[in-house]
Amino acid sequence: MIGQHKFIYDVWGDTVNIASRLETHGLPERIQVSSAFRAALADAYHFEERGMIELRDIGKMPVFLLNATKAATSD
């Protein structure tokens, strides 16, 4: 029976929609993130500004590319 042995979750909302749109407009071999994600992890990672992109049903949004952890480049 579903739910007795394995938990299954459905995730909905703006966060999922934005993540889906970012993935659709992403670059090969790169991780593209929102400004909110960048702000939350700015102390731990280096980001490259990609600029504004148009996301369907969302509008223009500033996006960033994740480059490396700050620990990996501190040498």
C-alpha atoms as a PDB file:
ATOM      1  CA  MET A   1       0.000   0.000   0.000  1.00  0.00           C
ATOM      2  CA  ILE A   2       1.215   3.480  -0.833  1.00  0.00           C
ATOM      3  CA  GLY A   3       2.537   5.441   2.111  1.00  0.00           C
ATOM      4  CA  GLN A   4       3.199   2.537   4.464  1.00  0.00           C
ATOM      5  CA  HIS A   5       6.757   1.741   3.390  1.00  0.00           C
ATOM      6  CA  LYS A   6       7.932   4.666   1.304  1.00  0.00           C
ATOM      7  CA  PHE A   7       7.180   8.332   1.739  1.00  0.00           C
ATOM      8  CA  ILE A   8       6.069  10.085  -1.428  1.00  0.00           C
ATOM      9  CA  TYR A   9       5.892  13.864  -1.598  1.00  0.00           C
ATOM     10  CA  ASP A  10       4.401  16.245  -4.126  1.00  0.00           C
ATOM     11  CA  VAL A  11       6.054  19.632  -4.259  1.00  0.00           C
ATOM     12  CA  TRP A  12       4.243  22.574  -5.853  1.00  0.00           C
ATOM     13  CA  GLY A  13       4.380  26.333  -5.871  1.00  0.00           C
ATOM     14  CA  ASP A  14       6.551  29.221  -7.032  1.00  0.00           C
ATOM     15  CA  THR A  15       9.825  27.632  -5.931  1.00  0.00           C
ATOM     16  CA  VAL A  16       9.245  24.564  -8.086  1.00  0.00           C
ATOM     17  CA  ASN A  17       8.046  26.649 -11.033  1.00  0.00           C
ATOM     18  CA  ILE A  18      11.090  28.926 -10.884  1.00  0.00           C
ATOM     19  CA  ALA A  19      13.471  25.946 -10.587  1.00  0.00           C
ATOM     20  CA  SER A  20      11.837  24.306 -13.598  1.00  0.00           C
ATOM     21  CA  ARG A  21      12.111  27.484 -15.696  1.00  0.00           C
ATOM     22  CA  LEU A  22      15.734  28.003 -14.667  1.00  0.00           C
ATOM     23  CA  GLU A  23      16.529  24.457 -15.729  1.00  0.00           C
ATOM     24  CA  THR A  24      14.810  24.980 -19.083  1.00  0.00           C
ATOM     25  CA  HIS A  25      16.860  28.122 -19.783  1.00  0.00           C
ATOM     26  CA  GLY A  26      20.110  26.821 -18.314  1.00  0.00           C
ATOM     27  CA  LEU A  27      23.438  26.251 -19.986  1.00  0.00           C
ATOM     28  CA  PRO A  28      24.977  22.807 -20.564  1.00  0.00           C
ATOM     29  CA  GLU A  29      27.241  21.610 -17.743  1.00  0.00           C
ATOM     30  CA  ARG A  30      26.370  24.656 -15.569  1.00  0.00           C
ATOM     31  CA  ILE A  31      24.180  25.194 -12.499  1.00  0.00           C
ATOM     32  CA  GLN A  32      21.935  28.231 -12.873  1.00  0.00           C
ATOM     33  CA  VAL A  33      20.293  29.731  -9.786  1.00  0.00           C
ATOM     34  CA  SER A  34      17.993  32.552  -8.728  1.00  0.00           C
ATOM     35  CA  SER A  35      19.094  35.647  -6.836  1.00  0.00           C
ATOM     36  CA  ALA A  36      17.408  34.272  -3.696  1.00  0.00           C
ATOM     37  CA  PHE A  37      19.529  31.098  -3.896  1.00  0.00           C
ATOM     38  CA  ARG A  38      22.653  33.173  -4.490  1.00  0.00           C
ATOM     39  CA  ALA A  39      21.898  35.388  -1.486  1.00  0.00           C
ATOM     40  CA  ALA A  40      21.362  32.366   0.761  1.00  0.00           C
ATOM     41  CA  LEU A  41      24.681  30.733  -0.216  1.00  0.00           C
ATOM     42  CA  ALA A  42      26.875  33.750  -1.027  1.00  0.00           C
ATOM     43  CA  ASP A  43      29.192  33.025   1.913  1.00  0.00           C
ATOM     44  CA  ALA A  44      29.986  29.516   0.715  1.00  0.00           C
ATOM     45  CA  TYR A  45      30.055  29.730  -3.105  1.00  0.00           C
ATOM     46  CA  HIS A  46      31.328  31.901  -5.944  1.00  0.00           C
ATOM     47  CA  PHE A  47      28.699  32.942  -8.484  1.00  0.00           C
ATOM     48  CA  GLU A  48      28.883  34.495 -11.936  1.00  0.00           C
ATOM     49  CA  GLU A  49      26.161  36.932 -12.946  1.00  0.00           C
ATOM     50  CA  ARG A  50      24.419  35.787 -16.114  1.00  0.00           C
ATOM     51  CA  GLY A  51      22.043  38.743 -16.303  1.00  0.00           C
ATOM     52  CA  MET A  52      18.311  39.000 -16.802  1.00  0.00           C
ATOM     53  CA  ILE A  53      16.424  36.249 -18.580  1.00  0.00           C
ATOM     54  CA  GLU A  54      12.746  35.981 -19.469  1.00  0.00           C
ATOM     55  CA  LEU A  55      11.022  33.073 -17.733  1.00  0.00           C
ATOM     56  CA  ARG A  56       7.639  31.891 -18.977  1.00  0.00           C
ATOM     57  CA  ASP A  57       4.776  32.816 -16.627  1.00  0.00           C
ATOM     58  CA  ILE A  58       7.256  34.588 -14.314  1.00  0.00           C
ATOM     59  CA  GLY A  59       8.796  37.455 -16.291  1.00  0.00           C
ATOM     60  CA  LYS A  60      12.343  38.801 -16.294  1.00  0.00           C
ATOM     61  CA  MET A  61      14.558  37.565 -13.498  1.00  0.00           C
ATOM     62  CA  PRO A  62      18.246  38.027 -12.660  1.00  0.00           C
ATOM     63  CA  VAL A  63      20.087  34.697 -12.706  1.00  0.00           C
ATOM     64  CA  PHE A  64      23.520  33.512 -11.667  1.00  0.00           C
ATOM     65  CA  LEU A  65      25.797  30.594 -12.481  1.00  0.00           C
ATOM     66  CA  LEU A  66      27.373  28.623  -9.646  1.00  0.00           C
ATOM     67  CA  ASN A  67      31.149  28.472 -10.130  1.00  0.00           C
ATOM     68  CA  ALA A  68      32.833  26.845  -7.109  1.00  0.00           C
ATOM     69  CA  THR A  69      32.855  26.603  -3.362  1.00  0.00           C
ATOM     70  CA  LYS A  70      34.844  29.356  -1.675  1.00  0.00           C
ATOM     71  CA  ALA A  71      36.819  26.700   0.213  1.00  0.00           C
ATOM     72  CA  ALA A  72      37.896  25.117  -3.087  1.00  0.00           C
ATOM     73  CA  THR A  73      39.386  28.399  -4.334  1.00  0.00           C
ATOM     74  CA  SER A  74      40.873  29.806  -1.123  1.00  0.00           C
ATOM     75  CA  ASP A  75      44.386  28.391  -1.743  1.00  0.00           C
END
